[in-house]
PDB file of N, CA and C in Angstrom:
ATOM      1  N   MET A   1       0.840  -1.175   0.029  1.00  0.00           N
ATOM      2  CA  MET A   1      -0.043   0.016   0.015  1.00  0.00           C
ATOM      3  C   MET A   1       0.877   1.258  -0.027  1.00  0.00           C
ATOM      4  N   LYS A   2       0.573   2.206  -0.857  1.00  0.00           N
ATOM      5  CA  LYS A   2       1.270   3.417  -0.943  1.00  0.00           C
ATOM      6  C   LYS A   2       0.982   4.377   0.242  1.00  0.00           C
ATOM      7  N   LYS A   3       1.900   5.181   0.575  1.00  0.00           N
ATOM      8  CA  LYS A   3       1.692   6.156   1.660  1.00  0.00           C
ATOM      9  C   LYS A   3       1.960   7.558   1.063  1.00  0.00           C
ATOM     10  N   LEU A   4       0.995   8.467   1.242  1.00  0.00           N
ATOM     11  CA  LEU A   4       1.193   9.827   0.765  1.00  0.00           C
ATOM     12  C   LEU A   4       1.493  10.728   1.962  1.00  0.00           C
ATOM     13  N   LYS A   5       2.132  11.909   1.686  1.00  0.00           N
ATOM     14  CA  LYS A   5       2.486  12.770   2.736  1.00  0.00           C
ATOM     15  C   LYS A   5       1.399  13.796   3.035  1.00  0.00           C
ATOM     16  N   ILE A   6       0.329  13.759   2.267  1.00  0.00           N
ATOM     17  CA  ILE A   6      -0.811  14.654   2.475  1.00  0.00           C
ATOM     18  C   ILE A   6      -1.994  13.810   2.918  1.00  0.00           C
ATOM     19  N   LYS A   7      -2.664  14.215   3.952  1.00  0.00           N
ATOM     20  CA  LYS A   7      -3.814  13.458   4.509  1.00  0.00           C
ATOM     21  C   LYS A   7      -5.065  14.274   4.452  1.00  0.00           C
ATOM     22  N   THR A   8      -6.235  13.560   4.643  1.00  0.00           N
ATOM     23  CA  THR A   8      -7.496  14.257   4.722  1.00  0.00           C
ATOM     24  C   THR A   8      -7.484  15.209   5.936  1.00  0.00           C
ATOM     25  N   GLY A   9      -7.966  16.433   5.724  1.00  0.00           N
ATOM     26  CA  GLY A   9      -8.015  17.423   6.762  1.00  0.00           C
ATOM     27  C   GLY A   9      -6.860  18.388   6.740  1.00  0.00           C
ATOM     28  N   ASP A  10      -5.794  18.144   5.993  1.00  0.00           N
ATOM     29  CA  ASP A  10      -4.641  19.042   5.937  1.00  0.00           C
ATOM     30  C   ASP A  10      -5.069  20.295   5.112  1.00  0.00           C
ATOM     31  N   THR A  11      -4.375  21.415   5.427  1.00  0.00           N
ATOM     32  CA  THR A  11      -4.586  22.638   4.667  1.00  0.00           C
ATOM     33  C   THR A  11      -3.430  22.702   3.660  1.00  0.00           C
ATOM     34  N   VAL A  12      -3.844  22.846   2.376  1.00  0.00           N
ATOM     35  CA  VAL A  12      -2.836  22.824   1.327  1.00  0.00           C
ATOM     36  C   VAL A  12      -2.989  24.035   0.436  1.00  0.00           C
ATOM     37  N   ARG A  13      -1.918  24.309  -0.360  1.00  0.00           N
ATOM     38  CA  ARG A  13      -1.938  25.342  -1.377  1.00  0.00           C
ATOM     39  C   ARG A  13      -1.618  24.666  -2.714  1.00  0.00           C
ATOM     40  N   ILE A  14      -2.337  25.022  -3.740  1.00  0.00           N
ATOM     41  CA  ILE A  14      -2.047  24.477  -5.080  1.00  0.00           C
ATOM     42  C   ILE A  14      -0.881  25.248  -5.643  1.00  0.00           C
ATOM     43  N   ILE A  15       0.162  24.492  -6.004  1.00  0.00           N
ATOM     44  CA  ILE A  15       1.443  25.125  -6.427  1.00  0.00           C
ATOM     45  C   ILE A  15       1.659  25.085  -7.924  1.00  0.00           C
ATOM     46  N   ALA A  16       0.773  24.396  -8.618  1.00  0.00           N
ATOM     47  CA  ALA A  16       0.947  24.381 -10.111  1.00  0.00           C
ATOM     48  C   ALA A  16      -0.410  24.196 -10.758  1.00  0.00           C
ATOM     49  N   GLY A  17      -0.564  24.611 -11.973  1.00  0.00           N
ATOM     50  CA  GLY A  17      -1.779  24.409 -12.740  1.00  0.00           C
ATOM     51  C   GLY A  17      -2.618  25.713 -12.761  1.00  0.00           C
ATOM     52  N   ASP A  18      -3.800  25.490 -13.365  1.00  0.00           N
ATOM     53  CA  ASP A  18      -4.726  26.620 -13.521  1.00  0.00           C
ATOM     54  C   ASP A  18      -5.191  27.275 -12.266  1.00  0.00           C
ATOM     55  N   HIS A  19      -5.213  26.536 -11.184  1.00  0.00           N
ATOM     56  CA  HIS A  19      -5.707  27.041  -9.885  1.00  0.00           C
ATOM     57  C   HIS A  19      -4.614  27.365  -8.920  1.00  0.00           C
ATOM     58  N   LYS A  20      -3.405  27.646  -9.429  1.00  0.00           N
ATOM     59  CA  LYS A  20      -2.236  27.938  -8.659  1.00  0.00           C
ATOM     60  C   LYS A  20      -2.454  29.076  -7.662  1.00  0.00           C
ATOM     61  N   GLY A  21      -2.031  28.833  -6.377  1.00  0.00           N
ATOM     62  CA  GLY A  21      -2.244  29.842  -5.366  1.00  0.00           C
ATOM     63  C   GLY A  21      -3.498  29.641  -4.468  1.00  0.00           C
ATOM     64  N   THR A  22      -4.414  28.819  -4.950  1.00  0.00           N
ATOM     65  CA  THR A  22      -5.649  28.597  -4.143  1.00  0.00           C
ATOM     66  C   THR A  22      -5.350  27.689  -2.953  1.00  0.00           C
ATOM     67  N   GLU A  23      -5.892  28.066  -1.816  1.00  0.00           N
ATOM     68  CA  GLU A  23      -5.701  27.335  -0.584  1.00  0.00           C
ATOM     69  C   GLU A  23      -7.027  26.690  -0.165  1.00  0.00           C
ATOM     70  N   GLY A  24      -6.968  25.507   0.486  1.00  0.00           N
ATOM     71  CA  GLY A  24      -8.143  24.877   0.952  1.00  0.00           C
ATOM     72  C   GLY A  24      -7.793  23.643   1.759  1.00  0.00           C
ATOM     73  N   LYS A  25      -8.857  23.029   2.311  1.00  0.00           N
ATOM     74  CA  LYS A  25      -8.703  21.832   3.129  1.00  0.00           C
ATOM     75  C   LYS A  25      -8.896  20.590   2.237  1.00  0.00           C
ATOM     76  N   VAL A  26      -8.096  19.521   2.455  1.00  0.00           N
ATOM     77  CA  VAL A  26      -8.227  18.291   1.763  1.00  0.00           C
ATOM     78  C   VAL A  26      -9.407  17.604   2.240  1.00  0.00           C
ATOM     79  N   MET A  27     -10.367  17.270   1.278  1.00  0.00           N
ATOM     80  CA  MET A  27     -11.594  16.590   1.646  1.00  0.00           C
ATOM     81  C   MET A  27     -11.517  15.108   1.497  1.00  0.00           C
ATOM     82  N   ARG A  28     -10.700  14.690   0.490  1.00  0.00           N
ATOM     83  CA  ARG A  28     -10.590  13.253   0.224  1.00  0.00           C
ATOM     84  C   ARG A  28      -9.261  12.987  -0.525  1.00  0.00           C
ATOM     85  N   VAL A  29      -8.654  11.837  -0.238  1.00  0.00           N
ATOM     86  CA  VAL A  29      -7.459  11.446  -0.952  1.00  0.00           C
ATOM     87  C   VAL A  29      -7.681  10.083  -1.618  1.00  0.00           C
ATOM     88  N   ASP A  30      -7.270   9.983  -2.876  1.00  0.00           N
ATOM     89  CA  ASP A  30      -7.409   8.799  -3.631  1.00  0.00           C
ATOM     90  C   ASP A  30      -6.018   8.170  -3.828  1.00  0.00           C
ATOM     91  N   LEU A  31      -5.759   7.085  -3.046  1.00  0.00           N
ATOM     92  CA  LEU A  31      -4.379   6.456  -3.008  1.00  0.00           C
ATOM     93  C   LEU A  31      -4.025   5.854  -4.360  1.00  0.00           C
ATOM     94  N   GLU A  32      -4.981   5.185  -4.996  1.00  0.00           N
ATOM     95  CA  GLU A  32      -4.685   4.492  -6.274  1.00  0.00           C
ATOM     96  C   GLU A  32      -4.238   5.474  -7.387  1.00  0.00           C
ATOM     97  N   LYS A  33      -4.917   6.663  -7.396  1.00  0.00           N
ATOM     98  CA  LYS A  33      -4.660   7.640  -8.510  1.00  0.00           C
ATOM     99  C   LYS A  33      -3.677   8.680  -8.042  1.00  0.00           C
ATOM    100  N   ASN A  34      -3.217   8.687  -6.835  1.00  0.00           N
ATOM    101  CA  ASN A  34      -2.325   9.764  -6.271  1.00  0.00           C
ATOM    102  C   ASN A  34      -2.935  11.137  -6.458  1.00  0.00           C
ATOM    103  N   LYS A  35      -4.241  11.286  -6.182  1.00  0.00           N
ATOM    104  CA  LYS A  35      -4.924  12.533  -6.302  1.00  0.00           C
ATOM    105  C   LYS A  35      -5.709  12.873  -5.061  1.00  0.00           C
ATOM    106  N   ALA A  36      -6.123  14.155  -4.928  1.00  0.00           N
ATOM    107  CA  ALA A  36      -6.916  14.555  -3.774  1.00  0.00           C
ATOM    108  C   ALA A  36      -7.880  15.571  -4.243  1.00  0.00           C
ATOM    109  N   ILE A  37      -8.947  15.748  -3.452  1.00  0.00           N
ATOM    110  CA  ILE A  37      -9.989  16.774  -3.669  1.00  0.00           C
ATOM    111  C   ILE A  37      -9.794  17.874  -2.624  1.00  0.00           C
ATOM    112  N   VAL A  38      -9.557  19.112  -3.099  1.00  0.00           N
ATOM    113  CA  VAL A  38      -9.338  20.240  -2.233  1.00  0.00           C
ATOM    114  C   VAL A  38     -10.599  21.064  -2.185  1.00  0.00           C
ATOM    115  N   GLU A  39     -11.059  21.461  -1.026  1.00  0.00           N
ATOM    116  CA  GLU A  39     -12.327  22.260  -0.795  1.00  0.00           C
ATOM    117  C   GLU A  39     -12.205  23.587  -1.510  1.00  0.00           C
ATOM    118  N   GLY A  40     -13.140  23.881  -2.470  1.00  0.00           N
ATOM    119  CA  GLY A  40     -13.205  25.182  -3.114  1.00  0.00           C
ATOM    120  C   GLY A  40     -12.248  25.404  -4.238  1.00  0.00           C
ATOM    121  N   ALA A  41     -11.493  24.347  -4.602  1.00  0.00           N
ATOM    122  CA  ALA A  41     -10.511  24.464  -5.726  1.00  0.00           C
ATOM    123  C   ALA A  41     -10.767  23.475  -6.831  1.00  0.00           C
ATOM    124  N   ASN A  42     -10.326  23.856  -8.031  1.00  0.00           N
ATOM    125  CA  ASN A  42     -10.516  23.029  -9.222  1.00  0.00           C
ATOM    126  C   ASN A  42     -11.989  22.675  -9.462  1.00  0.00           C
ATOM    127  N   MET A  43     -12.813  23.730  -9.453  1.00  0.00           N
ATOM    128  CA  MET A  43     -14.244  23.553  -9.670  1.00  0.00           C
ATOM    129  C   MET A  43     -14.524  23.235 -11.110  1.00  0.00           C
ATOM    130  N   VAL A  44     -15.353  22.232 -11.380  1.00  0.00           N
ATOM    131  CA  VAL A  44     -15.723  21.806 -12.729  1.00  0.00           C
ATOM    132  C   VAL A  44     -17.263  21.818 -12.751  1.00  0.00           C
ATOM    133  N   SER A  45     -17.818  21.928 -13.978  1.00  0.00           N
ATOM    134  CA  SER A  45     -19.278  21.884 -14.213  1.00  0.00           C
ATOM    135  C   SER A  45     -19.607  20.469 -14.595  1.00  0.00           C
ATOM    136  N   LYS A  46     -20.524  19.836 -13.890  1.00  0.00           N
ATOM    137  CA  LYS A  46     -20.981  18.564 -14.176  1.00  0.00           C
ATOM    138  C   LYS A  46     -22.448  18.468 -14.511  1.00  0.00           C
ATOM    139  N   HIS A  47     -22.852  17.850 -15.646  1.00  0.00           N
ATOM    140  CA  HIS A  47     -24.235  17.750 -16.043  1.00  0.00           C
ATOM    141  C   HIS A  47     -24.860  16.530 -15.292  1.00  0.00           C
ATOM    142  N   GLU A  48     -25.932  16.779 -14.604  1.00  0.00           N
ATOM    143  CA  GLU A  48     -26.571  15.719 -13.873  1.00  0.00           C
ATOM    144  C   GLU A  48     -27.985  15.515 -14.372  1.00  0.00           C
ATOM    145  N   LYS A  49     -28.399  14.236 -14.519  1.00  0.00           N
ATOM    146  CA  LYS A  49     -29.743  13.892 -14.879  1.00  0.00           C
ATOM    147  C   LYS A  49     -30.642  14.152 -13.727  1.00  0.00           C
ATOM    148  N   PRO A  50     -31.951  14.442 -13.949  1.00  0.00           N
ATOM    149  CA  PRO A  50     -32.883  14.461 -12.844  1.00  0.00           C
ATOM    150  C   PRO A  50     -32.962  13.125 -12.124  1.00  0.00           C
ATOM    151  N   SER A  51     -33.037  13.189 -10.784  1.00  0.00           N
ATOM    152  CA  SER A  51     -33.094  12.005  -9.968  1.00  0.00           C
ATOM    153  C   SER A  51     -33.910  12.326  -8.715  1.00  0.00           C
ATOM    154  N   ALA A  52     -34.168  11.362  -7.876  1.00  0.00           N
ATOM    155  CA  ALA A  52     -34.900  11.588  -6.648  1.00  0.00           C
ATOM    156  C   ALA A  52     -34.224  12.566  -5.776  1.00  0.00           C
ATOM    157  N   LYS A  53     -32.886  12.522  -5.760  1.00  0.00           N
ATOM    158  CA  LYS A  53     -32.109  13.401  -4.885  1.00  0.00           C
ATOM    159  C   LYS A  53     -32.121  14.860  -5.467  1.00  0.00           C
ATOM    160  N   ASN A  54     -32.022  14.915  -6.792  1.00  0.00           N
ATOM    161  CA  ASN A  54     -31.981  16.199  -7.493  1.00  0.00           C
ATOM    162  C   ASN A  54     -33.045  16.210  -8.599  1.00  0.00           C
ATOM    163  N   PRO A  55     -34.324  16.451  -8.318  1.00  0.00           N
ATOM    164  CA  PRO A  55     -35.398  16.317  -9.278  1.00  0.00           C
ATOM    165  C   PRO A  55     -35.274  17.291 -10.462  1.00  0.00           C
ATOM    166  N   GLN A  56     -34.633  18.435 -10.254  1.00  0.00           N
ATOM    167  CA  GLN A  56     -34.523  19.369 -11.385  1.00  0.00           C
ATOM    168  C   GLN A  56     -33.379  18.983 -12.328  1.00  0.00           C
ATOM    169  N   GLY A  57     -32.276  18.377 -11.833  1.00  0.00           N
ATOM    170  CA  GLY A  57     -31.191  18.049 -12.715  1.00  0.00           C
ATOM    171  C   GLY A  57     -30.430  19.304 -13.038  1.00  0.00           C
ATOM    172  N   GLY A  58     -29.681  19.295 -14.161  1.00  0.00           N
ATOM    173  CA  GLY A  58     -29.021  20.550 -14.628  1.00  0.00           C
ATOM    174  C   GLY A  58     -27.478  20.459 -14.443  1.00  0.00           C
ATOM    175  N   ILE A  59     -26.864  21.658 -14.454  1.00  0.00           N
ATOM    176  CA  ILE A  59     -25.432  21.798 -14.360  1.00  0.00           C
ATOM    177  C   ILE A  59     -25.070  22.062 -12.899  1.00  0.00           C
ATOM    178  N   VAL A  60     -24.187  21.278 -12.378  1.00  0.00           N
ATOM    179  CA  VAL A  60     -23.791  21.386 -10.955  1.00  0.00           C
ATOM    180  C   VAL A  60     -22.262  21.649 -10.933  1.00  0.00           C
ATOM    181  N   LYS A  61     -21.840  22.598 -10.044  1.00  0.00           N
ATOM    182  CA  LYS A  61     -20.407  22.851  -9.839  1.00  0.00           C
ATOM    183  C   LYS A  61     -19.921  22.013  -8.703  1.00  0.00           C
ATOM    184  N   LYS A  62     -18.773  21.304  -8.933  1.00  0.00           N
ATOM    185  CA  LYS A  62     -18.214  20.511  -7.867  1.00  0.00           C
ATOM    186  C   LYS A  62     -16.668  20.441  -8.024  1.00  0.00           C
ATOM    187  N   GLU A  63     -15.995  20.010  -6.938  1.00  0.00           N
ATOM    188  CA  GLU A  63     -14.540  19.974  -6.939  1.00  0.00           C
ATOM    189  C   GLU A  63     -14.123  18.715  -7.693  1.00  0.00           C
ATOM    190  N   ALA A  64     -13.026  18.768  -8.460  1.00  0.00           N
ATOM    191  CA  ALA A  64     -12.476  17.661  -9.143  1.00  0.00           C
ATOM    192  C   ALA A  64     -11.127  17.301  -8.485  1.00  0.00           C
ATOM    193  N   LEU A  65     -10.637  16.137  -8.867  1.00  0.00           N
ATOM    194  CA  LEU A  65      -9.384  15.612  -8.309  1.00  0.00           C
ATOM    195  C   LEU A  65      -8.196  16.424  -8.788  1.00  0.00           C
ATOM    196  N   ILE A  66      -7.163  16.625  -7.964  1.00  0.00           N
ATOM    197  CA  ILE A  66      -5.947  17.316  -8.305  1.00  0.00           C
ATOM    198  C   ILE A  66      -4.772  16.317  -7.902  1.00  0.00           C
ATOM    199  N   HIS A  67      -3.784  16.287  -8.739  1.00  0.00           N
ATOM    200  CA  HIS A  67      -2.622  15.404  -8.478  1.00  0.00           C
ATOM    201  C   HIS A  67      -1.880  15.886  -7.252  1.00  0.00           C
ATOM    202  N   ILE A  68      -1.394  14.957  -6.427  1.00  0.00           N
ATOM    203  CA  ILE A  68      -0.705  15.268  -5.196  1.00  0.00           C
ATOM    204  C   ILE A  68       0.508  16.139  -5.435  1.00  0.00           C
ATOM    205  N   SER A  69       1.201  15.929  -6.582  1.00  0.00           N
ATOM    206  CA  SER A  69       2.447  16.674  -6.898  1.00  0.00           C
ATOM    207  C   SER A  69       2.106  18.179  -7.065  1.00  0.00           C
ATOM    208  N   ASN A  70       0.895  18.562  -7.291  1.00  0.00           N
ATOM    209  CA  ASN A  70       0.510  19.966  -7.524  1.00  0.00           C
ATOM    210  C   ASN A  70       0.093  20.562  -6.177  1.00  0.00           C
ATOM    211  N   LEU A  71       0.134  19.881  -5.098  1.00  0.00           N
ATOM    212  CA  LEU A  71      -0.242  20.380  -3.791  1.00  0.00           C
ATOM    213  C   LEU A  71       0.953  20.531  -2.837  1.00  0.00           C
ATOM    214  N   GLY A  72       0.913  21.580  -2.082  1.00  0.00           N
ATOM    215  CA  GLY A  72       1.930  21.782  -1.042  1.00  0.00           C
ATOM    216  C   GLY A  72       1.290  22.021   0.314  1.00  0.00           C
ATOM    217  N   LEU A  73       1.775  21.310   1.303  1.00  0.00           N
ATOM    218  CA  LEU A  73       1.241  21.392   2.622  1.00  0.00           C
ATOM    219  C   LEU A  73       1.592  22.727   3.292  1.00  0.00           C
ATOM    220  N   ILE A  74       0.644  23.459   3.920  1.00  0.00           N
ATOM    221  CA  ILE A  74       0.941  24.744   4.530  1.00  0.00           C
ATOM    222  C   ILE A  74       1.310  24.460   5.977  1.00  0.00           C
ATOM    223  N   ASP A  75       2.450  25.041   6.374  1.00  0.00           N
ATOM    224  CA  ASP A  75       2.966  24.994   7.711  1.00  0.00           C
ATOM    225  C   ASP A  75       2.222  25.920   8.599  1.00  0.00           C
ATOM    226  N   SER A  76       1.658  25.390   9.700  1.00  0.00           N
ATOM    227  CA  SER A  76       0.808  26.210  10.580  1.00  0.00           C
ATOM    228  C   SER A  76       1.586  27.302  11.276  1.00  0.00           C
ATOM    229  N   LYS A  77       2.866  27.092  11.509  1.00  0.00           N
ATOM    230  CA  LYS A  77       3.690  28.088  12.221  1.00  0.00           C
ATOM    231  C   LYS A  77       4.091  29.225  11.256  1.00  0.00           C
ATOM    232  N   THR A  78       4.575  28.954  10.046  1.00  0.00           N
ATOM    233  CA  THR A  78       5.040  29.991   9.185  1.00  0.00           C
ATOM    234  C   THR A  78       3.950  30.449   8.221  1.00  0.00           C
ATOM    235  N   GLY A  79       2.974  29.657   7.944  1.00  0.00           N
ATOM    236  CA  GLY A  79       1.898  29.972   6.966  1.00  0.00           C
ATOM    237  C   GLY A  79       2.353  29.792   5.532  1.00  0.00           C
ATOM    238  N   ASP A  80       3.509  29.147   5.324  1.00  0.00           N
ATOM    239  CA  ASP A  80       4.067  28.981   3.982  1.00  0.00           C
ATOM    240  C   ASP A  80       4.077  27.483   3.597  1.00  0.00           C
ATOM    241  N   VAL A  81       4.262  27.213   2.279  1.00  0.00           N
ATOM    242  CA  VAL A  81       4.313  25.821   1.895  1.00  0.00           C
ATOM    243  C   VAL A  81       5.585  25.141   2.375  1.00  0.00           C
ATOM    244  N   THR A  82       5.482  23.937   2.868  1.00  0.00           N
ATOM    245  CA  THR A  82       6.637  23.229   3.390  1.00  0.00           C
ATOM    246  C   THR A  82       6.622  21.782   2.809  1.00  0.00           C
ATOM    247  N   ARG A  83       7.809  21.181   2.828  1.00  0.00           N
ATOM    248  CA  ARG A  83       7.843  19.747   2.537  1.00  0.00           C
ATOM    249  C   ARG A  83       7.684  18.958   3.844  1.00  0.00           C
ATOM    250  N   VAL A  84       7.425  17.659   3.646  1.00  0.00           N
ATOM    251  CA  VAL A  84       7.109  16.817   4.849  1.00  0.00           C
ATOM    252  C   VAL A  84       8.185  15.715   4.978  1.00  0.00           C
ATOM    253  N   GLY A  85       8.628  15.542   6.187  1.00  0.00           N
ATOM    254  CA  GLY A  85       9.550  14.500   6.503  1.00  0.00           C
ATOM    255  C   GLY A  85       8.962  13.676   7.654  1.00  0.00           C
ATOM    256  N   TYR A  86       9.628  12.550   7.970  1.00  0.00           N
ATOM    257  CA  TYR A  86       9.162  11.685   9.056  1.00  0.00           C
ATOM    258  C   TYR A  86      10.294  11.539  10.066  1.00  0.00           C
ATOM    259  N   GLU A  87       9.924  11.548  11.341  1.00  0.00           N
ATOM    260  CA  GLU A  87      10.894  11.334  12.442  1.00  0.00           C
ATOM    261  C   GLU A  87      10.213  10.498  13.520  1.00  0.00           C
ATOM    262  N   VAL A  88      11.043   9.826  14.298  1.00  0.00           N
ATOM    263  CA  VAL A  88      10.541   9.055  15.433  1.00  0.00           C
ATOM    264  C   VAL A  88      10.729   9.952  16.691  1.00  0.00           C
ATOM    265  N   ARG A  89       9.607  10.361  17.291  1.00  0.00           N
ATOM    266  CA  ARG A  89       9.641  11.154  18.487  1.00  0.00           C
ATOM    267  C   ARG A  89       8.793  10.496  19.555  1.00  0.00           C
ATOM    268  N   ASP A  90       9.386  10.304  20.742  1.00  0.00           N
ATOM    269  CA  ASP A  90       8.711   9.624  21.864  1.00  0.00           C
ATOM    270  C   ASP A  90       8.204   8.274  21.426  1.00  0.00           C
ATOM    271  N   GLY A  91       8.944   7.566  20.553  1.00  0.00           N
ATOM    272  CA  GLY A  91       8.565   6.184  20.193  1.00  0.00           C
ATOM    273  C   GLY A  91       7.570   6.106  19.105  1.00  0.00           C
ATOM    274  N   LYS A  92       7.070   7.237  18.544  1.00  0.00           N
ATOM    275  CA  LYS A  92       6.063   7.265  17.520  1.00  0.00           C
ATOM    276  C   LYS A  92       6.645   7.888  16.263  1.00  0.00           C
ATOM    277  N   LYS A  93       6.285   7.374  15.126  1.00  0.00           N
ATOM    278  CA  LYS A  93       6.655   7.973  13.782  1.00  0.00           C
ATOM    279  C   LYS A  93       5.668   9.169  13.515  1.00  0.00           C
ATOM    280  N   VAL A  94       6.184  10.369  13.386  1.00  0.00           N
ATOM    281  CA  VAL A  94       5.348  11.544  13.175  1.00  0.00           C
ATOM    282  C   VAL A  94       5.781  12.291  11.897  1.00  0.00           C
ATOM    283  N   ARG A  95       4.859  13.045  11.370  1.00  0.00           N
ATOM    284  CA  ARG A  95       5.162  13.929  10.212  1.00  0.00           C
ATOM    285  C   ARG A  95       5.713  15.194  10.715  1.00  0.00           C
ATOM    286  N   VAL A  96       6.776  15.701  10.073  1.00  0.00           N
ATOM    287  CA  VAL A  96       7.481  16.873  10.557  1.00  0.00           C
ATOM    288  C   VAL A  96       7.663  17.861   9.358  1.00  0.00           C
ATOM    289  N   SER A  97       7.458  19.118   9.679  1.00  0.00           N
ATOM    290  CA  SER A  97       7.633  20.175   8.651  1.00  0.00           C
ATOM    291  C   SER A  97       9.123  20.399   8.464  1.00  0.00           C
ATOM    292  N   LYS A  98       9.569  20.428   7.174  1.00  0.00           N
ATOM    293  CA  LYS A  98      10.998  20.632   6.889  1.00  0.00           C
ATOM    294  C   LYS A  98      11.458  22.066   7.117  1.00  0.00           C
ATOM    295  N   LYS A  99      10.538  23.057   7.061  1.00  0.00           N
ATOM    296  CA  LYS A  99      10.877  24.470   7.316  1.00  0.00           C
ATOM    297  C   LYS A  99      11.014  24.778   8.784  1.00  0.00           C
ATOM    298  N   SER A 100      10.023  24.386   9.574  1.00  0.00           N
ATOM    299  CA  SER A 100      10.029  24.810  11.012  1.00  0.00           C
ATOM    300  C   SER A 100      10.414  23.680  11.978  1.00  0.00           C
ATOM    301  N   ASN A 101      10.562  22.464  11.411  1.00  0.00           N
ATOM    302  CA  ASN A 101      10.886  21.308  12.219  1.00  0.00           C
ATOM    303  C   ASN A 101       9.881  21.022  13.315  1.00  0.00           C
ATOM    304  N   GLU A 102       8.650  21.409  13.061  1.00  0.00           N
ATOM    305  CA  GLU A 102       7.542  21.146  14.022  1.00  0.00           C
ATOM    306  C   GLU A 102       6.750  19.958  13.594  1.00  0.00           C
ATOM    307  N   VAL A 103       6.104  19.270  14.542  1.00  0.00           N
ATOM    308  CA  VAL A 103       5.242  18.142  14.270  1.00  0.00           C
ATOM    309  C   VAL A 103       3.943  18.620  13.620  1.00  0.00           C
ATOM    310  N   ILE A 104       3.568  18.007  12.533  1.00  0.00           N
ATOM    311  CA  ILE A 104       2.347  18.414  11.840  1.00  0.00           C
ATOM    312  C   ILE A 104       1.126  17.691  12.425  1.00  0.00           C
TER     313      ILE A 104
END
């Protein structure tokens, strides 16, 4: 099983692509595709048929997947994009910010 350095609930900034500079919270991570959905970013229009849930149907705006390589984790201490490393602290493996050396 692959392991990604970005998890659900992290605050990230899009560092490449059409939506570069947009910040948001990671809503879902797809391990097989190495992609994530970021809240309020990469909005696409989707045509939906009428259904019981949506009787009107029509065009709906929703977030699309973004590749993990286009996302940068935001360090809570500095407020800037940082890379992620792993260290063993107090007998536990934890994610660590490369810029501030703080536990994420």
